Amino acid sequence: MVSSKTILVIPMVVGIILLIVGGIFGVVGYLLFMQAFGNPFLPIQQISQLASSGMSMMMVGSLLAVPGFVCIIAAVLFLIIGYRKKIAKTLAKESAEIAEEIAPMQVRIAKAQAPAVETIAKAQAKGFRKGFEDSDDLDSSSEDSTIRIRCRNCGYLETEDAQFCSKCGKEL
C-alpha cells in the first residue's frame, strides 16, 4: 500500500526535476538562438542551424517545465486536501481565541455606550410624546384608542366605521 507521504513526495520530486531540466533546456536554447544572430560573420547555414536548434531546445524546455509546474501544483493541492482537517481545526482554534479576546472589549464598549443609548431613547420618547400632544390627528381627551379618519370635505375626525361624516354629511 502506498503511503500518503509517497503520494505527496513523488509529484513534488518529479515536478522539481522537470522544472530544472526544462529550465536548462530553455536557457541553452535561448543562448544558441542568441548566438546565431550575435555573430555577423557566421555563414547563413550555421545561423540557420543554431537558430533552429535554439528554438527546438526552448520548445522542449517549455514542454518539460509546464508539466513540472503542474506536478508541483498537484502535490501542493494533495497536501492541502490531506491536511484540511488540521487546517480547519487550527483556524477554528484561532478564531475562538480571538473571540475570547474580543468579548470583554465588546462588553466594555456596550457598558460605555449604554448611557448614550438610554439618553437617545429618552429623547426620542419625549419627542414622540410632544409630537402626539401637538398633533391635530389624535383625540387626546378620549381614553380608548379608536382609529379615526378625516373627512375630505370638512376635515372633521370621524370614527373608522362611519360611512358618512357626522358634521357635513358627505360620504367618507
C-alpha atoms as a PDB file:
ATOM      1  CA  MET A   1       0.000   0.000   0.000  1.00  0.00           C
ATOM      2  CA  VAL A   2       1.272   3.445  -0.920  1.00  0.00           C
ATOM      3  CA  SER A   3       1.558   5.880   1.976  1.00  0.00           C
ATOM      4  CA  SER A   4       0.136   9.378   1.851  1.00  0.00           C
ATOM      5  CA  LYS A   5       3.635  10.868   2.101  1.00  0.00           C
ATOM      6  CA  THR A   6       4.682   8.988  -1.025  1.00  0.00           C
ATOM      7  CA  ILE A   7       1.689  10.424  -2.863  1.00  0.00           C
ATOM      8  CA  LEU A   8       2.918  13.901  -1.921  1.00  0.00           C
ATOM      9  CA  VAL A   9       6.643  13.331  -2.483  1.00  0.00           C
ATOM     10  CA  ILE A  10       6.514  11.692  -5.919  1.00  0.00           C
ATOM     11  CA  PRO A  11       4.737  14.517  -7.800  1.00  0.00           C
ATOM     12  CA  MET A  12       6.793  17.124  -5.957  1.00  0.00           C
ATOM     13  CA  VAL A  13      10.125  15.480  -6.873  1.00  0.00           C
ATOM     14  CA  VAL A  14       9.044  14.776 -10.454  1.00  0.00           C
ATOM     15  CA  GLY A  15       7.812  18.339 -10.804  1.00  0.00           C
ATOM     16  CA  ILE A  16      11.037  19.829  -9.488  1.00  0.00           C
ATOM     17  CA  ILE A  17      13.157  17.614 -11.758  1.00  0.00           C
ATOM     18  CA  LEU A  18      11.045  18.521 -14.796  1.00  0.00           C
ATOM     19  CA  LEU A  19      11.261  22.216 -13.954  1.00  0.00           C
ATOM     20  CA  ILE A  20      15.052  22.065 -13.586  1.00  0.00           C
ATOM     21  CA  VAL A  21      15.601  20.057 -16.792  1.00  0.00           C
ATOM     22  CA  GLY A  22      13.115  22.252 -18.673  1.00  0.00           C
ATOM     23  CA  GLY A  23      14.862  25.345 -17.382  1.00  0.00           C
ATOM     24  CA  ILE A  24      18.252  24.054 -18.523  1.00  0.00           C
ATOM     25  CA  PHE A  25      16.893  23.237 -21.970  1.00  0.00           C
ATOM     26  CA  GLY A  26      15.255  26.653 -22.178  1.00  0.00           C
ATOM     27  CA  VAL A  27      18.419  28.544 -21.174  1.00  0.00           C
ATOM     28  CA  VAL A  28      20.670  26.546 -23.534  1.00  0.00           C
ATOM     29  CA  GLY A  29      18.170  27.003 -26.360  1.00  0.00           C
ATOM     30  CA  TYR A  30      17.986  30.738 -25.715  1.00  0.00           C
ATOM     31  CA  LEU A  31      21.781  31.004 -25.735  1.00  0.00           C
ATOM     32  CA  LEU A  32      22.003  29.054 -29.022  1.00  0.00           C
ATOM     33  CA  PHE A  33      19.327  31.210 -30.603  1.00  0.00           C
ATOM     34  CA  MET A  34      21.064  34.427 -29.496  1.00  0.00           C
ATOM     35  CA  GLN A  35      24.464  33.108 -30.654  1.00  0.00           C
ATOM     36  CA  ALA A  36      23.026  32.620 -34.130  1.00  0.00           C
ATOM     37  CA  PHE A  37      22.254  36.296 -34.505  1.00  0.00           C
ATOM     38  CA  GLY A  38      25.048  37.680 -32.326  1.00  0.00           C
ATOM     39  CA  ASN A  39      27.918  36.995 -34.750  1.00  0.00           C
ATOM     40  CA  PRO A  40      27.591  38.720 -38.138  1.00  0.00           C
ATOM     41  CA  PHE A  41      30.456  36.683 -39.657  1.00  0.00           C
ATOM     42  CA  LEU A  42      28.764  33.259 -39.426  1.00  0.00           C
ATOM     43  CA  PRO A  43      27.622  31.635 -42.651  1.00  0.00           C
ATOM     44  CA  ILE A  44      23.872  31.516 -43.293  1.00  0.00           C
ATOM     45  CA  GLN A  45      23.747  27.718 -42.936  1.00  0.00           C
ATOM     46  CA  GLN A  46      25.304  27.829 -39.443  1.00  0.00           C
ATOM     47  CA  ILE A  47      22.973  30.699 -38.404  1.00  0.00           C
ATOM     48  CA  SER A  48      20.001  28.619 -39.539  1.00  0.00           C
ATOM     49  CA  GLN A  49      21.228  25.547 -37.626  1.00  0.00           C
ATOM     50  CA  LEU A  50      21.884  27.496 -34.424  1.00  0.00           C
ATOM     51  CA  ALA A  51      18.521  29.307 -34.589  1.00  0.00           C
ATOM     52  CA  SER A  52      16.502  26.147 -35.255  1.00  0.00           C
ATOM     53  CA  SER A  53      18.412  24.203 -32.574  1.00  0.00           C
ATOM     54  CA  GLY A  54      17.878  27.020 -30.088  1.00  0.00           C
ATOM     55  CA  MET A  55      14.151  27.268 -30.816  1.00  0.00           C
ATOM     56  CA  SER A  56      13.784  23.479 -30.604  1.00  0.00           C
ATOM     57  CA  MET A  57      15.549  23.368 -27.256  1.00  0.00           C
ATOM     58  CA  MET A  58      13.424  26.216 -25.912  1.00  0.00           C
ATOM     59  CA  MET A  59      10.289  24.353 -27.015  1.00  0.00           C
ATOM     60  CA  VAL A  60      11.469  21.127 -25.339  1.00  0.00           C
ATOM     61  CA  GLY A  61      12.316  23.135 -22.222  1.00  0.00           C
ATOM     62  CA  SER A  62       8.838  24.619 -22.070  1.00  0.00           C
ATOM     63  CA  LEU A  63       7.272  21.212 -22.773  1.00  0.00           C
ATOM     64  CA  LEU A  64       9.153  19.850 -19.754  1.00  0.00           C
ATOM     65  CA  ALA A  65       8.677  22.849 -17.464  1.00  0.00           C
ATOM     66  CA  VAL A  66       4.898  23.107 -17.843  1.00  0.00           C
ATOM     67  CA  PRO A  67       4.166  19.521 -16.689  1.00  0.00           C
ATOM     68  CA  GLY A  68       6.728  20.013 -13.924  1.00  0.00           C
ATOM     69  CA  PHE A  69       4.839  23.049 -12.740  1.00  0.00           C
ATOM     70  CA  VAL A  70       1.569  21.100 -12.937  1.00  0.00           C
ATOM     71  CA  CYS A  71       3.093  18.278 -10.836  1.00  0.00           C
ATOM     72  CA  ILE A  72       4.160  20.745  -8.155  1.00  0.00           C
ATOM     73  CA  ILE A  73       0.694  22.330  -8.094  1.00  0.00           C
ATOM     74  CA  ALA A  74      -0.870  18.859  -7.824  1.00  0.00           C
ATOM     75  CA  ALA A  75       1.411  17.994  -4.901  1.00  0.00           C
ATOM     76  CA  VAL A  76       0.502  21.220  -3.130  1.00  0.00           C
ATOM     77  CA  LEU A  77      -3.212  20.533  -3.686  1.00  0.00           C
ATOM     78  CA  PHE A  78      -2.791  16.982  -2.339  1.00  0.00           C
ATOM     79  CA  LEU A  79      -1.041  18.475   0.674  1.00  0.00           C
ATOM     80  CA  ILE A  80      -3.858  20.942   1.301  1.00  0.00           C
ATOM     81  CA  ILE A  81      -6.510  18.258   0.857  1.00  0.00           C
ATOM     82  CA  GLY A  82      -4.622  15.891   3.139  1.00  0.00           C
ATOM     83  CA  TYR A  83      -4.280  18.448   5.899  1.00  0.00           C
ATOM     84  CA  ARG A  84      -7.664  20.140   5.528  1.00  0.00           C
ATOM     85  CA  LYS A  85      -8.897  18.828   8.903  1.00  0.00           C
ATOM     86  CA  LYS A  86      -5.804  20.106  10.687  1.00  0.00           C
ATOM     87  CA  ILE A  87      -6.113  23.429   8.872  1.00  0.00           C
ATOM     88  CA  ALA A  88      -9.806  23.695   9.811  1.00  0.00           C
ATOM     89  CA  LYS A  89      -9.082  22.840  13.458  1.00  0.00           C
ATOM     90  CA  THR A  90      -6.283  25.407  13.602  1.00  0.00           C
ATOM     91  CA  LEU A  91      -8.473  28.101  12.072  1.00  0.00           C
ATOM     92  CA  ALA A  92     -11.329  27.270  14.457  1.00  0.00           C
ATOM     93  CA  LYS A  93      -8.977  27.370  17.453  1.00  0.00           C
ATOM     94  CA  GLU A  94      -7.510  30.716  16.407  1.00  0.00           C
ATOM     95  CA  SER A  95     -10.983  32.129  15.769  1.00  0.00           C
ATOM     96  CA  ALA A  96     -12.110  31.016  19.231  1.00  0.00           C
ATOM     97  CA  GLU A  97      -9.049  32.632  20.812  1.00  0.00           C
ATOM     98  CA  ILE A  98      -9.752  35.881  19.005  1.00  0.00           C
ATOM     99  CA  ALA A  99     -13.411  35.744  20.060  1.00  0.00           C
ATOM    100  CA  GLU A 100     -12.330  35.227  23.696  1.00  0.00           C
ATOM    101  CA  GLU A 101     -10.056  38.263  23.454  1.00  0.00           C
ATOM    102  CA  ILE A 102     -12.712  40.429  21.840  1.00  0.00           C
ATOM    103  CA  ALA A 103     -15.666  39.501  24.088  1.00  0.00           C
ATOM    104  CA  PRO A 104     -14.502  41.531  27.137  1.00  0.00           C
ATOM    105  CA  MET A 105     -13.857  44.515  24.881  1.00  0.00           C
ATOM    106  CA  GLN A 106     -17.359  44.243  23.441  1.00  0.00           C
ATOM    107  CA  VAL A 107     -18.847  44.151  26.956  1.00  0.00           C
ATOM    108  CA  ARG A 108     -16.859  47.259  27.945  1.00  0.00           C
ATOM    109  CA  ILE A 109     -17.979  49.053  24.795  1.00  0.00           C
ATOM    110  CA  ALA A 110     -21.628  48.098  25.411  1.00  0.00           C
ATOM    111  CA  LYS A 111     -21.424  49.342  29.017  1.00  0.00           C
ATOM    112  CA  ALA A 112     -19.828  52.590  27.864  1.00  0.00           C
ATOM    113  CA  GLN A 113     -22.487  53.109  25.200  1.00  0.00           C
ATOM    114  CA  ALA A 114     -25.453  52.241  27.458  1.00  0.00           C
ATOM    115  CA  PRO A 115     -25.876  55.771  28.937  1.00  0.00           C
ATOM    116  CA  ALA A 116     -25.764  57.318  25.472  1.00  0.00           C
ATOM    117  CA  VAL A 117     -28.315  54.858  24.128  1.00  0.00           C
ATOM    118  CA  GLU A 118     -30.558  55.497  27.134  1.00  0.00           C
ATOM    119  CA  THR A 119     -30.299  59.264  26.610  1.00  0.00           C
ATOM    120  CA  ILE A 120     -31.189  58.895  22.936  1.00  0.00           C
ATOM    121  CA  ALA A 121     -34.156  56.631  23.761  1.00  0.00           C
ATOM    122  CA  LYS A 122     -35.458  59.137  26.322  1.00  0.00           C
ATOM    123  CA  ALA A 123     -35.085  61.991  23.849  1.00  0.00           C
ATOM    124  CA  GLN A 124     -36.968  60.025  21.212  1.00  0.00           C
ATOM    125  CA  ALA A 125     -39.758  59.156  23.645  1.00  0.00           C
ATOM    126  CA  LYS A 126     -40.002  62.785  24.715  1.00  0.00           C
ATOM    127  CA  GLY A 127     -40.136  63.854  21.070  1.00  0.00           C
ATOM    128  CA  PHE A 128     -42.855  61.308  20.290  1.00  0.00           C
ATOM    129  CA  ARG A 129     -44.929  62.448  23.273  1.00  0.00           C
ATOM    130  CA  LYS A 130     -44.569  66.084  22.268  1.00  0.00           C
ATOM    131  CA  GLY A 131     -45.410  65.216  18.661  1.00  0.00           C
ATOM    132  CA  PHE A 132     -48.546  63.352  19.719  1.00  0.00           C
ATOM    133  CA  GLU A 133     -49.612  66.136  22.054  1.00  0.00           C
ATOM    134  CA  ASP A 134     -49.249  68.747  19.296  1.00  0.00           C
ATOM    135  CA  SER A 135     -50.976  66.630  16.673  1.00  0.00           C
ATOM    136  CA  ASP A 136     -54.455  67.522  15.460  1.00  0.00           C
ATOM    137  CA  ASP A 137     -54.889  63.953  14.201  1.00  0.00           C
ATOM    138  CA  LEU A 138     -55.203  62.438  17.679  1.00  0.00           C
ATOM    139  CA  ASP A 139     -58.048  62.915  20.097  1.00  0.00           C
ATOM    140  CA  SER A 140     -56.123  63.006  23.401  1.00  0.00           C
ATOM    141  CA  SER A 141     -59.239  63.522  25.514  1.00  0.00           C
ATOM    142  CA  SER A 142     -60.641  60.055  24.816  1.00  0.00           C
ATOM    143  CA  GLU A 143     -59.258  57.166  26.824  1.00  0.00           C
ATOM    144  CA  ASP A 144     -59.969  54.499  24.220  1.00  0.00           C
ATOM    145  CA  SER A 145     -57.703  54.126  21.234  1.00  0.00           C
ATOM    146  CA  THR A 146     -60.194  54.247  18.374  1.00  0.00           C
ATOM    147  CA  ILE A 147     -58.933  54.852  14.891  1.00  0.00           C
ATOM    148  CA  ARG A 148     -60.269  57.999  13.282  1.00  0.00           C
ATOM    149  CA  ILE A 149     -60.399  59.088   9.666  1.00  0.00           C
ATOM    150  CA  ARG A 150     -60.515  62.671   8.395  1.00  0.00           C
ATOM    151  CA  CYS A 151     -63.375  63.872   6.228  1.00  0.00           C
ATOM    152  CA  ARG A 152     -62.087  65.123   2.862  1.00  0.00           C
ATOM    153  CA  ASN A 153     -64.758  67.802   2.700  1.00  0.00           C
ATOM    154  CA  CYS A 154     -64.683  69.491   6.112  1.00  0.00           C
ATOM    155  CA  GLY A 155     -61.690  67.896   7.898  1.00  0.00           C
ATOM    156  CA  TYR A 156     -63.692  66.505  10.828  1.00  0.00           C
ATOM    157  CA  LEU A 157     -62.259  63.390  12.551  1.00  0.00           C
ATOM    158  CA  GLU A 158     -64.802  60.608  12.318  1.00  0.00           C
ATOM    159  CA  THR A 159     -64.673  57.047  13.666  1.00  0.00           C
ATOM    160  CA  GLU A 160     -63.352  54.485  11.209  1.00  0.00           C
ATOM    161  CA  ASP A 161     -66.624  52.536  10.946  1.00  0.00           C
ATOM    162  CA  ALA A 162     -68.648  55.605   9.880  1.00  0.00           C
ATOM    163  CA  GLN A 163     -69.756  55.773   6.268  1.00  0.00           C
ATOM    164  CA  PHE A 164     -70.814  59.421   6.313  1.00  0.00           C
ATOM    165  CA  CYS A 165     -69.360  62.473   8.069  1.00  0.00           C
ATOM    166  CA  SER A 166     -71.500  63.424  11.101  1.00  0.00           C
ATOM    167  CA  LYS A 167     -70.594  67.139  10.658  1.00  0.00           C
ATOM    168  CA  CYS A 168     -71.204  67.783   6.923  1.00  0.00           C
ATOM    169  CA  GLY A 169     -72.973  64.584   5.852  1.00  0.00           C
ATOM    170  CA  LYS A 170     -70.671  63.772   2.923  1.00  0.00           C
ATOM    171  CA  GLU A 171     -69.691  60.156   2.205  1.00  0.00           C
ATOM    172  CA  LEU A 172     -66.297  59.178   3.664  1.00  0.00           C
END
